[in-house]
Protein backbone atom coordinates (compact mmCIF):
# COMPACT_ATOMS: atom_id res chain seq x y z
CA UNK A 1 95.65 116.59 56.19
CA UNK A 2 98.78 114.46 55.88
CA UNK A 3 101.01 113.82 58.84
CA UNK A 4 104.37 115.55 58.98
CA UNK A 5 107.54 113.48 59.51
CA UNK A 6 107.68 114.83 63.07
CA UNK A 7 104.19 113.47 63.72
CA UNK A 8 105.40 110.03 62.64
CA UNK A 9 108.37 110.29 65.00
CA UNK A 10 106.02 111.36 67.77
CA UNK A 11 103.72 108.38 67.25
CA UNK A 12 106.44 105.80 66.67
CA UNK A 13 109.48 106.77 68.75
CA UNK A 14 110.76 103.21 69.17
CA UNK A 15 110.51 102.36 65.46
CA UNK A 16 112.22 105.64 64.55
CA UNK A 17 114.90 104.95 67.11
CA UNK A 18 115.58 101.46 65.75
CA UNK A 19 115.84 102.75 62.18
CA UNK A 20 118.26 105.51 63.15
CA UNK A 21 120.35 103.17 65.28
CA UNK A 22 120.85 100.80 62.35
CA UNK A 23 121.53 103.72 60.02
CA UNK A 24 124.11 105.33 62.33
CA UNK A 25 125.99 102.16 63.26
CA UNK A 26 125.83 100.40 59.90
CA UNK A 27 126.72 103.67 58.20
CA UNK A 28 130.04 103.48 60.04
CA UNK A 29 130.61 99.73 59.95
CA UNK A 30 129.73 98.89 56.36
CA UNK A 31 132.46 101.05 54.77
CA UNK A 32 135.04 100.63 57.56
CA UNK A 33 135.03 96.97 58.60
CA UNK A 34 135.90 95.49 55.16
CA UNK A 35 139.00 97.70 55.02
CA UNK A 36 140.46 96.60 58.38
CA UNK A 37 142.02 93.26 59.32
CA UNK A 38 143.29 91.64 62.49
CA UNK A 39 142.93 93.01 66.03
CA UNK A 40 142.41 96.57 64.78
CA UNK A 41 138.98 95.63 63.43
CA UNK A 42 137.50 95.86 66.91
CA UNK A 43 139.02 99.28 67.41
CA UNK A 44 137.62 100.39 64.07
CA UNK A 45 134.19 99.18 65.12
CA UNK A 46 134.07 101.36 68.25
CA UNK A 47 132.61 104.56 66.72
CA UNK A 48 129.66 102.62 65.30
CA UNK A 49 129.01 101.08 68.71
CA UNK A 50 127.75 104.49 69.88
CA UNK A 51 124.88 104.38 67.38
CA UNK A 52 122.28 103.38 70.01
CA UNK A 53 123.22 106.34 72.19
CA UNK A 54 123.31 108.82 69.30
CA UNK A 55 119.96 107.65 67.90
CA UNK A 56 118.27 107.99 71.29
CA UNK A 57 119.49 111.57 71.65
CA UNK A 58 118.36 112.47 68.12
CA UNK A 59 114.87 111.00 68.49
CA UNK A 60 114.48 112.70 71.86
CA UNK A 61 115.35 116.03 70.24
CA UNK A 62 113.07 115.43 67.24
CA UNK A 63 110.18 114.88 69.63
CA UNK A 64 110.82 118.28 71.18
CA UNK A 65 111.95 116.74 74.46
CA UNK A 66 114.97 117.77 76.46
CA UNK A 67 118.06 115.72 75.64
CA UNK A 68 119.52 116.92 78.92
CA UNK A 69 116.40 115.74 80.75
CA UNK A 70 116.68 112.34 79.09
CA UNK A 71 120.36 112.06 80.03
CA UNK A 72 119.69 113.08 83.63
CA UNK A 73 116.97 110.45 83.87
CA UNK A 74 119.16 107.83 82.20
CA UNK A 75 122.18 108.49 84.41
CA UNK A 76 120.24 108.52 87.68
CA UNK A 77 122.21 105.93 89.64
CA UNK A 78 120.55 106.38 93.04
CA UNK A 79 119.14 102.92 93.69
CA UNK A 80 119.59 100.27 96.35
CA UNK A 81 123.04 98.62 96.17
CA UNK A 82 121.28 95.28 95.76
CA UNK A 83 120.47 96.12 92.15
CA UNK A 84 124.11 96.71 91.35
CA UNK A 85 124.91 93.45 93.11
CA UNK A 86 122.23 91.76 90.99
CA UNK A 87 123.75 93.29 87.84
CA UNK A 88 126.99 91.53 88.70
CA UNK A 89 125.56 88.34 90.17
CA UNK A 90 123.22 87.28 87.35
CA UNK A 91 125.80 87.15 84.52
CA UNK A 92 128.45 85.78 86.87
CA UNK A 93 126.07 83.09 88.08
CA UNK A 94 125.07 82.00 84.59
CA UNK A 95 128.69 82.12 83.40
CA UNK A 96 129.78 80.01 86.37
CA UNK A 97 127.16 77.39 85.53
CA UNK A 98 128.34 77.46 81.93
CA UNK A 99 131.90 77.08 83.17
CA UNK A 100 131.02 73.90 85.03
CA UNK A 101 129.34 72.52 81.91
CA UNK A 102 132.33 73.46 79.76
CA UNK A 103 134.75 71.91 82.24
CA UNK A 104 132.89 68.61 81.96
CA UNK A 105 132.43 68.77 78.19
CA UNK A 106 136.06 69.73 77.52
CA UNK A 107 137.52 67.26 80.05
CA UNK A 108 139.04 69.97 82.21
CA UNK A 109 140.94 73.22 81.76
CA UNK A 110 143.42 73.69 78.97
CA UNK A 111 147.00 73.92 80.17
CA UNK A 112 148.22 77.43 80.93
CA UNK A 113 144.92 79.17 80.14
CA UNK A 114 143.45 80.06 83.54
CA UNK A 115 145.81 82.85 84.60
CA UNK A 116 145.69 84.71 81.24
CA UNK A 117 141.90 84.24 81.16
CA UNK A 118 141.52 85.81 84.61
CA UNK A 119 143.79 88.72 83.66
CA UNK A 120 141.82 89.30 80.46
CA UNK A 121 138.58 89.13 82.43
CA UNK A 122 139.62 91.99 84.72
CA UNK A 123 140.49 94.16 81.72
CA UNK A 124 137.40 93.14 79.77
CA UNK A 125 135.02 94.11 82.57
CA UNK A 126 136.25 97.71 82.44
CA UNK A 127 136.43 97.87 78.66
CA UNK A 128 133.08 96.18 78.05
CA UNK A 129 131.31 98.39 80.59
CA UNK A 130 132.63 101.66 79.18
CA UNK A 131 133.10 100.99 75.46
CA UNK A 132 132.43 97.39 74.53
CA UNK A 133 128.71 97.12 75.21
CA UNK A 134 127.77 99.17 78.25
CA UNK A 135 127.36 102.37 76.25
CA UNK A 136 124.64 100.65 74.18
CA UNK A 137 122.35 100.66 77.22
CA UNK A 138 121.66 104.37 76.79
CA UNK A 139 119.60 103.27 73.82
CA UNK A 140 118.35 99.71 74.35
CA UNK A 141 117.16 100.09 77.94
CA UNK A 142 117.50 103.85 78.32
CA UNK A 143 115.19 104.69 75.41
CA UNK A 144 113.68 101.82 73.43
CA UNK A 145 112.49 99.61 76.29
CA UNK A 146 110.52 102.26 78.23
CA UNK A 147 108.87 103.52 75.04
CA UNK A 148 107.85 100.00 74.03
CA UNK A 149 106.59 99.24 77.53
CA UNK A 150 104.22 102.18 77.24
CA UNK A 151 102.28 100.02 74.72
CA UNK A 152 103.30 96.41 75.23
CA UNK A 153 104.00 93.93 77.99
CA UNK A 154 107.50 93.70 79.38
CA UNK A 155 108.06 90.33 77.70
CA UNK A 156 106.95 91.56 74.28
CA UNK A 157 109.08 94.69 74.64
CA UNK A 158 112.05 92.53 75.65
CA UNK A 159 111.74 90.32 72.59
CA UNK A 160 111.43 93.31 70.24
CA UNK A 161 114.45 95.05 71.75
CA UNK A 162 116.38 91.79 71.69
CA UNK A 163 115.55 91.10 68.06
CA UNK A 164 116.73 94.54 66.91
CA UNK A 165 119.73 94.33 69.23
CA UNK A 166 120.69 91.06 67.53
CA UNK A 167 120.08 92.45 64.03
CA UNK A 168 122.23 95.47 64.89
CA UNK A 169 125.23 93.12 65.22
CA UNK A 170 124.79 91.66 61.70
CA UNK A 171 127.80 93.46 60.12
CA UNK A 172 130.01 91.92 62.80
CA UNK A 173 129.22 88.49 61.38
CA UNK A 174 129.31 89.53 57.74
CA UNK A 175 132.85 90.89 58.09
CA UNK A 176 134.18 88.27 60.48
CA UNK A 177 134.49 90.36 63.64
CA UNK A 178 132.42 87.75 65.48
CA UNK A 179 133.06 84.09 64.80
CA UNK A 180 130.10 82.54 66.64
CA UNK A 181 127.02 81.18 64.88
CA UNK A 182 124.74 84.14 63.98
CA UNK A 183 121.46 82.33 64.70
CA UNK A 184 122.66 81.09 68.08
CA UNK A 185 123.99 84.52 68.97
CA UNK A 186 120.66 86.13 68.03
CA UNK A 187 118.77 83.69 70.25
CA UNK A 188 121.15 84.42 73.11
CA UNK A 189 120.66 88.18 72.77
CA UNK A 190 116.87 87.83 72.77
CA UNK A 191 116.76 85.71 75.94
CA UNK A 192 119.37 87.92 77.63
CA UNK A 193 117.12 90.90 76.88
CA UNK A 194 114.53 89.41 79.25
CA UNK A 195 117.05 89.51 82.10
CA UNK A 196 117.88 93.13 81.32
CA UNK A 197 114.18 94.03 81.46
CA UNK A 198 113.88 92.33 84.85
CA UNK A 199 116.79 94.43 86.12
CA UNK A 200 115.49 97.64 84.55
CA UNK A 201 111.92 97.34 85.81
CA UNK A 202 112.88 95.97 89.22
CA UNK A 203 115.38 98.78 89.82
CA UNK A 204 112.90 101.48 88.77
CA UNK A 205 114.64 102.16 85.48
CA UNK A 206 118.27 102.16 86.60
CA UNK A 207 120.27 102.33 83.38
CA UNK A 208 123.66 102.48 85.18
CA UNK A 209 122.88 99.03 86.62
CA UNK A 210 122.07 97.80 83.10
CA UNK A 211 125.36 99.27 81.85
CA UNK A 212 127.20 97.39 84.58
CA UNK A 213 125.39 94.14 83.77
CA UNK A 214 126.14 94.49 80.07
CA UNK A 215 129.83 94.89 80.77
CA UNK A 216 129.91 91.99 83.23
CA UNK A 217 127.98 89.76 80.84
CA UNK A 218 130.31 90.45 77.91
CA UNK A 219 133.38 89.78 80.05
CA UNK A 220 132.15 86.85 82.12
CA UNK A 221 130.77 84.60 79.38
CA UNK A 222 134.17 84.53 77.68
CA UNK A 223 136.13 83.62 80.82
CA UNK A 224 135.24 79.89 80.98
CA UNK A 225 135.50 79.62 77.20
CA UNK A 226 139.09 80.88 77.27
CA UNK A 227 139.91 78.67 80.25
CA UNK A 228 138.96 75.46 78.43
CA UNK A 229 140.90 76.44 75.32
CA UNK A 230 138.31 78.09 73.09
CA UNK A 231 135.25 76.92 71.11
CA UNK A 232 137.19 74.12 69.41
CA UNK A 233 137.57 72.36 72.78
CA UNK A 234 133.81 71.95 73.10
CA UNK A 235 131.76 69.17 71.46
CA UNK A 236 128.75 71.51 71.24
CA UNK A 237 128.48 75.09 69.92
CA UNK A 238 129.35 77.76 72.45
CA UNK A 239 126.16 79.64 71.53
CA UNK A 240 124.10 76.58 72.53
CA UNK A 241 125.45 76.94 76.07
CA UNK A 242 124.76 80.68 76.03
CA UNK A 243 121.16 80.15 74.93
CA UNK A 244 120.66 77.37 77.47
CA UNK A 245 122.08 79.37 80.37
CA UNK A 246 120.32 82.66 79.73
CA UNK A 247 117.23 80.95 78.33
CA UNK A 248 116.68 79.11 81.60
CA UNK A 249 117.15 82.40 83.46
CA UNK A 250 114.56 84.05 81.21
CA UNK A 251 112.08 81.22 81.71
CA UNK A 252 112.57 81.46 85.46
CA UNK A 253 111.90 85.20 85.45
CA UNK A 254 108.76 84.83 83.33
CA UNK A 255 107.49 82.06 85.61
CA UNK A 256 108.26 84.03 88.76
CA UNK A 257 107.03 87.49 87.81
CA UNK A 258 104.81 87.03 84.76
CA UNK A 259 105.17 88.47 81.25
CA UNK A 260 103.44 91.76 82.02
CA UNK A 261 106.18 93.28 84.19
CA UNK A 262 108.96 90.64 84.46
CA UNK A 263 109.70 92.03 87.91
CA UNK A 264 108.21 92.80 91.28
CA UNK A 265 107.89 96.42 90.16
CA UNK A 266 105.85 98.09 87.45
CA UNK A 267 106.69 98.41 83.77
CA UNK A 268 108.89 101.45 83.43
CA UNK A 269 107.82 104.00 80.83
CA UNK A 270 109.56 107.25 79.78
CA UNK A 271 110.00 109.62 82.72
CA UNK A 272 111.73 112.44 80.87
CA UNK A 273 108.81 113.40 78.61
CA UNK A 274 107.01 116.60 79.47
CA UNK A 275 104.65 119.09 77.90
CA UNK A 276 107.06 119.61 75.00
CA UNK A 277 105.91 123.11 74.00
CA UNK A 278 108.59 123.35 71.33
CA UNK A 279 107.36 120.14 69.67
CA UNK A 280 103.73 121.30 69.75
CA UNK A 281 104.64 124.64 68.22
CA UNK A 282 106.55 122.90 65.43
CA UNK A 283 103.64 120.58 64.69
CA UNK A 284 101.12 123.41 64.67
CA UNK A 285 103.27 125.46 62.31
CA UNK A 286 103.60 122.51 59.93
CA UNK A 287 99.87 121.90 60.08
CA UNK A 288 98.98 125.40 58.78
CA UNK A 289 100.20 124.54 55.29
CA UNK A 290 99.02 120.92 55.30
């Protein structure tokens, strides 16, 4: 008896999710990004940025689970305020340390850059949280991470999510939306993924906190870079500082909590899965003719 496609989805939800995420986002970006130039390219990229969310909803439905139940679980924000404070403090802390290093390496702030950088930071926090990264957390931490942690350690799951998360951005480099070094950016995303797992597991699976941290991270790492005058003002690649800052944070978390959980809490696995009678009925019907 051969397995049906739904059986494969049932056995490999994370792999199916990753494939669909790439298909959804790249399916938008590959035809659109080459046709757009200038500042509008980032606007054109926005629909594809919802691929992680869309793929998570589709795989949840294919498995016969409640999409509503998954969303309710994902949007459950009722956690101690300290986890929201941590979501802000970790990226701000690392970015501040990077800022000190950049200030030294660039011989101070560039003239007339600090005030515009601070104004842009305030706007970027809101934008990045809602549209420019935060919405991805419905998929990366809201779906993929808990499914992977059902089989693997928190550190292994973090690296896998981080690797696919980095690969997902590939069209941004191919079509010039991002101008940083791709390899350095990929390394940064992988080590940052460890910090997200620490937050997710420690907060008992609080995706809203991860959304907030994603937005703060995207906004805060660019603040010191703009203040010193951009990447050209630095004698080392900007991505090297990103990898160093978040890499040291990741090493500290592994040393403190261990690779199995990366937090004082347990590995968080899917909480929205149930008996799935609809999925079982579908599988049984398919099996009659197999």
